[in-house]
Amino acid sequence: MEKVLIFGAGGFVGPYLAREFAARGYEVYGSDRSGARFEDVFEKTYECDLLDTEGVKSIIYNVKPGFIVNLAGISSVGLSWKIPQQTLEINVCGALNILDAVRDMEQDPRILLIGSSEEYVPSESPISESQPVSANNPYGISKVTQEQFSRVYHEKYGLRIYHVRAFNHTGVGQTDSFVIPSWCKQAAEISRSGKPGVMQTGNLEIRRDFSDVRDIVRAYRMIVESEDCTEIYNVGSGRSLHLRELLEAVTGYCDQPIELTVNPKLLRPIENPTICCDHSKITRMLGWQPEHDILDTVREIYEYYREK
C-alpha cells in the first residue's frame, strides 16, 4: 500500500486531503505542530514544527512515503502583512527542510508544494498558468520564492516536485480569521441571539474565485499522481464573485436584521480588485473539474455555526 505523508495535517485542509487519499486506498500519515487535532483517518501522526530540520528529516526517514504533501505554513495574506519575516521563514525555509531531507534519501518520493493565485500579476481576466508572476504581498512572495527554490532542486538534484497554484477555497472547519467563515459565524451568532446585530466586514467591492475545499484536495491528489512534475496547474472554480454578493447570501440565511460596518483593521494595504481562475489546463490534461457550488458550501458553513 502506497504511503502519503502530509505536513500541516492538523490544519483546515489536512483532514480533507487525508480522507481524499484514504478513500483511494493510500496509507496516510500526518505531521503538525503541537496542539493540532488529528482525525482517526491517519495511520500515524507526528508532532513536529516544519522549521525543526532534524525533526522533519526523522519523520520522513521513519515513514518512507511515496508521496509528500506540504500544507504547513502561513496561508493568510492578511496575516502575512503583519508577520512578513515569519511568513518567508515558515513558507520557504520549512519547504526547504522537506526538500533537503528528501535529497539525502535513497527513496524518490513525489512532493507536492502548494502555491497560490497571489503569485500572479493582477488581472481583470481569468488567470491562466501563462500569466506573469509578480506577487505584491508577503504571502504571494513567499510562494514565488518557494517555487524558485523547488525548480533549482529539481534541476540540480532530480527531485520530483509538483506544483499547484490554488485559488481561494473554503469549507467547514476553516478558521474564522478567513472571510467566509467569519461572516457565517457572525450571522449565526446574531441569529441565535434572537435580536438584530452588527457584522464587521472589510472591502466588499473586490471579486474572488472561491472553491469548495473538497474540489481542491481532489485536484491535489490528481496532480501528485500524474507523471509530469514539470507542469504547474491552477486550481479554482473559474467563477469570480463580488464579496458583496457572497455576504448577501450569508445575511440572507439569518432571520434577524443585520447592520454592516467596515472594520479598518480588515482592510489590506494592497488589494487585487479581481481574481479569477482559468482551470482549463488541469481540466484538459488531468480531467479535473469543480463539482461543488460555492453558494452551497457557504450555506454548509453557516449551518455548521448555527448548530454549533
Protein backbone atom coordinates (compact mmCIF):
# COMPACT_ATOMS: atom_id res chain seq x y z
CA MET A 1 0.00 0.00 0.00
CA GLU A 2 1.40 3.41 -1.03
CA LYS A 3 2.19 5.81 1.83
CA VAL A 4 1.32 9.51 1.87
CA LEU A 5 2.88 11.93 4.39
CA ILE A 6 1.08 15.25 4.94
CA PHE A 7 2.86 18.10 6.71
CA GLY A 8 0.43 20.61 8.23
CA ALA A 9 -2.05 17.76 8.55
CA GLY A 10 -3.83 19.25 11.56
CA GLY A 11 -4.91 22.39 9.75
CA PHE A 12 -8.06 23.14 7.78
CA VAL A 13 -7.16 21.34 4.54
CA GLY A 14 -5.24 18.42 6.11
CA PRO A 15 -8.18 16.24 7.18
CA TYR A 16 -9.93 16.73 3.83
CA LEU A 17 -6.78 15.72 1.95
CA ALA A 18 -6.22 12.74 4.25
CA ARG A 19 -9.74 11.49 3.58
CA GLU A 20 -9.27 12.01 -0.15
CA PHE A 21 -6.15 9.82 -0.20
CA ALA A 22 -7.54 7.25 2.24
CA ALA A 23 -10.64 6.80 0.06
CA ARG A 24 -8.30 5.86 -2.78
CA GLY A 25 -6.54 3.16 -0.76
CA TYR A 26 -3.49 5.10 0.44
CA GLU A 27 -1.93 4.73 3.89
CA VAL A 28 -1.95 8.28 5.27
CA TYR A 29 0.49 9.74 7.83
CA GLY A 30 0.35 13.24 9.27
CA SER A 31 2.61 15.77 10.91
CA ASP A 32 1.81 19.08 12.56
CA ARG A 33 2.93 21.36 15.36
CA SER A 34 1.89 20.77 18.96
CA GLY A 35 -1.75 21.38 19.72
CA ALA A 36 -3.04 20.12 16.37
CA ARG A 37 -6.04 17.82 16.40
CA PHE A 38 -5.71 14.78 14.16
CA GLU A 39 -8.61 12.73 12.84
CA ASP A 40 -8.51 8.95 13.05
CA VAL A 41 -8.11 8.65 9.27
CA PHE A 42 -4.34 8.89 9.80
CA GLU A 43 -2.34 5.68 10.19
CA LYS A 44 0.10 7.51 12.49
CA THR A 45 0.74 11.15 13.38
CA TYR A 46 3.81 13.09 14.46
CA GLU A 47 4.28 16.33 16.37
CA CYS A 48 6.85 18.49 14.61
CA ASP A 49 7.46 22.11 13.66
CA LEU A 50 8.39 22.43 9.98
CA LEU A 51 11.36 24.60 10.96
CA ASP A 52 12.78 21.72 13.02
CA THR A 53 15.26 20.42 10.42
CA GLU A 54 16.15 17.19 12.21
CA GLY A 55 12.55 16.53 13.24
CA VAL A 56 11.34 16.83 9.64
CA LYS A 57 14.12 14.55 8.43
CA SER A 58 13.37 11.96 11.13
CA ILE A 59 9.69 11.77 10.21
CA ILE A 60 10.39 11.34 6.51
CA TYR A 61 13.00 8.66 7.20
CA ASN A 62 10.63 6.79 9.54
CA VAL A 63 7.59 6.86 7.26
CA LYS A 64 9.44 6.38 3.95
CA PRO A 65 6.49 7.81 1.99
CA GLY A 66 5.92 7.53 -1.71
CA PHE A 67 4.13 10.90 -1.65
CA ILE A 68 4.70 14.02 0.46
CA VAL A 69 2.32 16.99 0.53
CA ASN A 70 3.26 20.18 2.34
CA LEU A 71 0.23 22.06 3.67
CA ALA A 72 2.12 23.68 6.55
CA GLY A 73 2.78 27.40 6.63
CA ILE A 74 1.25 30.86 6.80
CA SER A 75 -1.78 30.76 4.49
CA SER A 76 -3.37 34.16 5.10
CA VAL A 77 -2.49 37.24 3.06
CA GLY A 78 -3.73 39.48 5.87
CA LEU A 79 -1.58 37.75 8.48
CA SER A 80 1.45 37.82 6.16
CA TRP A 81 1.37 41.63 6.19
CA LYS A 82 1.64 41.54 9.99
CA ILE A 83 4.49 38.99 10.11
CA PRO A 84 6.30 39.17 6.75
CA GLN A 85 9.60 37.78 8.06
CA GLN A 86 7.95 34.78 9.70
CA THR A 87 5.89 34.19 6.57
CA LEU A 88 9.03 33.87 4.47
CA GLU A 89 10.79 31.76 7.06
CA ILE A 90 7.97 29.26 7.51
CA ASN A 91 6.77 29.06 3.91
CA VAL A 92 10.20 28.97 2.30
CA CYS A 93 12.62 27.53 4.87
CA GLY A 94 10.04 24.99 6.04
CA ALA A 95 9.62 23.71 2.48
CA LEU A 96 13.41 23.60 2.08
CA ASN A 97 13.66 21.36 5.16
CA ILE A 98 11.43 18.84 3.37
CA LEU A 99 13.39 19.08 0.13
CA ASP A 100 16.76 18.73 1.89
CA ALA A 101 15.55 15.69 3.81
CA VAL A 102 14.36 14.02 0.60
CA ARG A 103 17.58 14.96 -1.20
CA ASP A 104 19.55 12.85 1.27
CA MET A 105 17.28 9.81 0.93
CA GLU A 106 17.72 6.80 -1.31
CA GLN A 107 13.98 6.84 -1.90
CA ASP A 108 12.49 9.18 -4.51
CA PRO A 109 9.06 10.31 -3.24
CA ARG A 110 6.83 12.68 -5.14
CA ILE A 111 6.47 16.05 -3.38
CA LEU A 112 3.55 18.45 -3.80
CA LEU A 113 4.14 22.08 -2.82
CA ILE A 114 1.15 24.38 -2.61
CA GLY A 115 1.34 27.71 -4.41
CA SER A 116 -1.26 30.44 -4.73
CA SER A 117 -3.14 32.73 -7.09
CA GLU A 118 -1.48 35.53 -5.10
CA GLU A 119 1.70 34.84 -7.08
CA TYR A 120 0.25 36.36 -10.25
CA VAL A 121 0.21 39.90 -11.60
CA PRO A 122 -3.31 41.29 -11.03
CA SER A 123 -5.61 40.75 -13.99
CA GLU A 124 -9.24 41.58 -14.78
CA SER A 125 -9.43 38.41 -16.93
CA PRO A 126 -9.33 34.77 -15.76
CA ILE A 127 -5.75 33.89 -14.88
CA SER A 128 -4.01 31.05 -16.70
CA GLU A 129 -0.63 29.50 -15.90
CA SER A 130 0.97 31.58 -18.65
CA GLN A 131 0.18 34.85 -16.86
CA PRO A 132 3.18 36.77 -15.45
CA VAL A 133 4.19 36.06 -11.87
CA SER A 134 4.96 39.06 -9.68
CA ALA A 135 3.43 38.90 -6.20
CA ASN A 136 2.52 42.12 -4.38
CA ASN A 137 2.15 40.81 -0.81
CA PRO A 138 4.39 38.84 1.59
CA TYR A 139 2.35 35.64 1.28
CA GLY A 140 2.49 35.65 -2.53
CA ILE A 141 6.21 36.50 -2.49
CA SER A 142 6.87 33.52 -0.20
CA LYS A 143 5.08 31.19 -2.63
CA VAL A 144 7.00 32.54 -5.64
CA THR A 145 10.27 32.05 -3.75
CA GLN A 146 9.28 28.51 -2.77
CA GLU A 147 8.67 27.66 -6.42
CA GLN A 148 12.00 29.12 -7.49
CA PHE A 149 13.88 27.02 -4.94
CA SER A 150 11.99 23.89 -5.95
CA ARG A 151 12.94 24.35 -9.61
CA VAL A 152 16.58 24.51 -8.59
CA TYR A 153 16.22 21.34 -6.51
CA HIS A 154 14.53 19.55 -9.39
CA GLU A 155 17.22 20.56 -11.88
CA LYS A 156 20.22 20.03 -9.59
CA TYR A 157 19.13 17.01 -7.53
CA GLY A 158 16.42 15.44 -9.68
CA LEU A 159 13.70 15.75 -7.02
CA ARG A 160 10.16 15.09 -8.25
CA ILE A 161 8.44 18.25 -7.08
CA TYR A 162 4.88 19.02 -8.20
CA HIS A 163 3.32 22.48 -8.19
CA VAL A 164 -0.20 23.80 -7.85
CA ARG A 165 -1.36 27.40 -7.65
CA ALA A 166 -4.55 27.18 -5.66
CA PHE A 167 -7.15 29.95 -5.67
CA ASN A 168 -9.31 30.77 -2.64
CA HIS A 169 -11.04 27.80 -1.05
CA THR A 170 -13.20 27.28 1.98
CA GLY A 171 -15.37 24.78 3.81
CA VAL A 172 -16.49 23.65 7.24
CA GLY A 173 -13.52 23.71 9.60
CA GLN A 174 -11.74 26.73 8.17
CA THR A 175 -10.81 29.22 10.88
CA ASP A 176 -12.95 32.33 11.19
CA SER A 177 -9.93 34.53 10.50
CA PHE A 178 -10.88 33.92 6.85
CA VAL A 179 -13.66 35.94 5.29
CA ILE A 180 -16.46 33.44 4.61
CA PRO A 181 -16.27 31.56 7.94
CA SER A 182 -16.05 34.94 9.71
CA TRP A 183 -19.25 36.15 8.10
CA CYS A 184 -21.04 32.84 8.65
CA LYS A 185 -20.06 32.77 12.31
CA GLN A 186 -21.16 36.38 12.90
CA ALA A 187 -24.50 35.84 11.14
CA ALA A 188 -25.15 32.58 13.01
CA GLU A 189 -24.44 34.26 16.35
CA ILE A 190 -26.86 37.06 15.51
CA SER A 191 -29.50 34.50 14.52
CA ARG A 192 -29.07 32.58 17.77
CA SER A 193 -29.27 35.80 19.79
CA GLY A 194 -32.82 36.40 18.57
CA LYS A 195 -32.24 40.13 18.05
CA PRO A 196 -30.69 42.50 15.46
CA GLY A 197 -26.92 42.62 15.25
CA VAL A 198 -23.89 44.24 13.63
CA MET A 199 -21.42 42.47 11.31
CA GLN A 200 -17.82 43.54 10.75
CA THR A 201 -16.64 43.50 7.11
CA GLY A 202 -13.66 44.51 5.03
CA ASN A 203 -13.57 45.57 1.37
CA LEU A 204 -16.74 44.27 -0.30
CA GLU A 205 -16.03 45.62 -3.78
CA ILE A 206 -13.39 43.07 -4.76
CA ARG A 207 -14.14 39.88 -6.70
CA ARG A 208 -12.74 36.48 -5.73
CA ASP A 209 -12.81 32.93 -7.06
CA PHE A 210 -13.81 30.63 -4.19
CA SER A 211 -13.82 26.81 -4.39
CA ASP A 212 -15.03 24.11 -2.05
CA VAL A 213 -12.05 22.54 -0.27
CA ARG A 214 -13.20 19.08 -1.36
CA ASP A 215 -12.68 20.04 -5.00
CA ILE A 216 -9.26 21.44 -4.16
CA VAL A 217 -7.93 18.33 -2.40
CA ARG A 218 -9.17 16.13 -5.24
CA ALA A 219 -7.06 18.26 -7.59
CA TYR A 220 -4.05 17.94 -5.26
CA ARG A 221 -4.27 14.15 -5.38
CA MET A 222 -4.67 14.08 -9.15
CA ILE A 223 -1.70 16.39 -9.66
CA VAL A 224 0.74 14.45 -7.48
CA GLU A 225 -0.43 11.17 -9.07
CA SER A 226 0.35 12.48 -12.56
CA GLU A 227 3.61 11.61 -14.30
CA ASP A 228 4.97 15.01 -15.33
CA CYS A 229 6.21 17.05 -12.38
CA THR A 230 7.36 19.95 -14.58
CA GLU A 231 3.81 21.23 -15.14
CA ILE A 232 2.18 23.88 -12.96
CA TYR A 233 -1.59 23.77 -12.52
CA ASN A 234 -4.07 26.43 -11.47
CA VAL A 235 -6.95 25.11 -9.39
CA GLY A 236 -10.07 27.18 -8.88
CA SER A 237 -13.74 27.29 -9.76
CA GLY A 238 -13.45 29.58 -12.78
CA ARG A 239 -16.19 31.79 -11.29
CA SER A 240 -15.41 35.15 -9.71
CA LEU A 241 -17.97 36.64 -7.32
CA HIS A 242 -18.21 40.04 -5.64
CA LEU A 243 -17.66 39.66 -1.91
CA ARG A 244 -20.81 41.75 -1.51
CA GLU A 245 -22.75 39.03 -3.35
CA LEU A 246 -21.39 36.36 -1.03
CA LEU A 247 -22.18 38.49 2.02
CA GLU A 248 -25.76 38.96 0.83
CA ALA A 249 -26.09 35.17 0.65
CA VAL A 250 -24.81 34.81 4.22
CA THR A 251 -27.01 37.54 5.69
CA GLY A 252 -29.96 36.07 3.80
CA TYR A 253 -29.71 32.92 5.90
CA CYS A 254 -30.12 34.91 9.11
CA ASP A 255 -33.61 35.55 10.46
CA GLN A 256 -32.59 38.78 12.23
CA PRO A 257 -31.83 42.27 10.82
CA ILE A 258 -28.10 42.84 10.31
CA GLU A 259 -26.27 46.15 10.14
CA LEU A 260 -22.97 46.13 8.24
CA THR A 261 -19.94 48.14 9.33
CA VAL A 262 -16.49 48.30 7.76
CA ASN A 263 -13.65 47.47 10.14
CA PRO A 264 -10.48 49.32 9.02
CA LYS A 265 -8.38 46.51 10.53
CA LEU A 266 -9.81 44.15 7.90
CA LEU A 267 -8.59 46.31 5.00
CA ARG A 268 -5.27 45.30 3.40
CA PRO A 269 -2.54 47.72 2.23
CA ILE A 270 -2.77 46.35 -1.33
CA GLU A 271 -5.82 44.51 -2.66
CA ASN A 272 -6.12 42.89 -6.08
CA PRO A 273 -9.54 44.04 -7.39
CA THR A 274 -10.33 40.79 -9.24
CA ILE A 275 -9.01 37.25 -9.02
CA CYS A 276 -10.49 34.52 -11.22
CA CYS A 277 -9.04 31.14 -12.16
CA ASP A 278 -8.67 29.73 -15.65
CA HIS A 279 -8.61 25.99 -14.85
CA SER A 280 -8.68 24.85 -18.49
CA LYS A 281 -5.20 23.32 -18.30
CA ILE A 282 -5.88 20.89 -15.43
CA THR A 283 -9.28 20.11 -16.95
CA ARG A 284 -7.69 19.33 -20.32
CA MET A 285 -4.65 17.44 -19.05
CA LEU A 286 -5.92 15.65 -15.92
CA GLY A 287 -9.69 15.71 -16.32
CA TRP A 288 -10.35 17.69 -13.13
CA GLN A 289 -13.44 19.88 -12.85
CA PRO A 290 -15.15 21.54 -9.87
CA GLU A 291 -18.12 19.58 -8.54
CA HIS A 292 -19.40 21.82 -5.72
CA ASP A 293 -21.22 25.15 -5.98
CA ILE A 294 -19.62 27.66 -3.62
CA LEU A 295 -23.01 29.01 -2.50
CA ASP A 296 -23.92 25.52 -1.28
CA THR A 297 -20.62 25.42 0.58
CA VAL A 298 -21.31 28.80 2.19
CA ARG A 299 -24.68 27.50 3.36
CA GLU A 300 -22.97 24.44 4.91
CA ILE A 301 -20.55 26.68 6.81
CA TYR A 302 -23.39 28.87 8.08
CA GLU A 303 -25.39 25.84 9.23
CA TYR A 304 -22.31 24.49 10.98
CA TYR A 305 -22.01 27.66 13.08
CA ARG A 306 -25.78 27.88 13.54
CA GLU A 307 -25.91 24.36 15.01
CA LYS A 308 -22.67 24.75 16.94
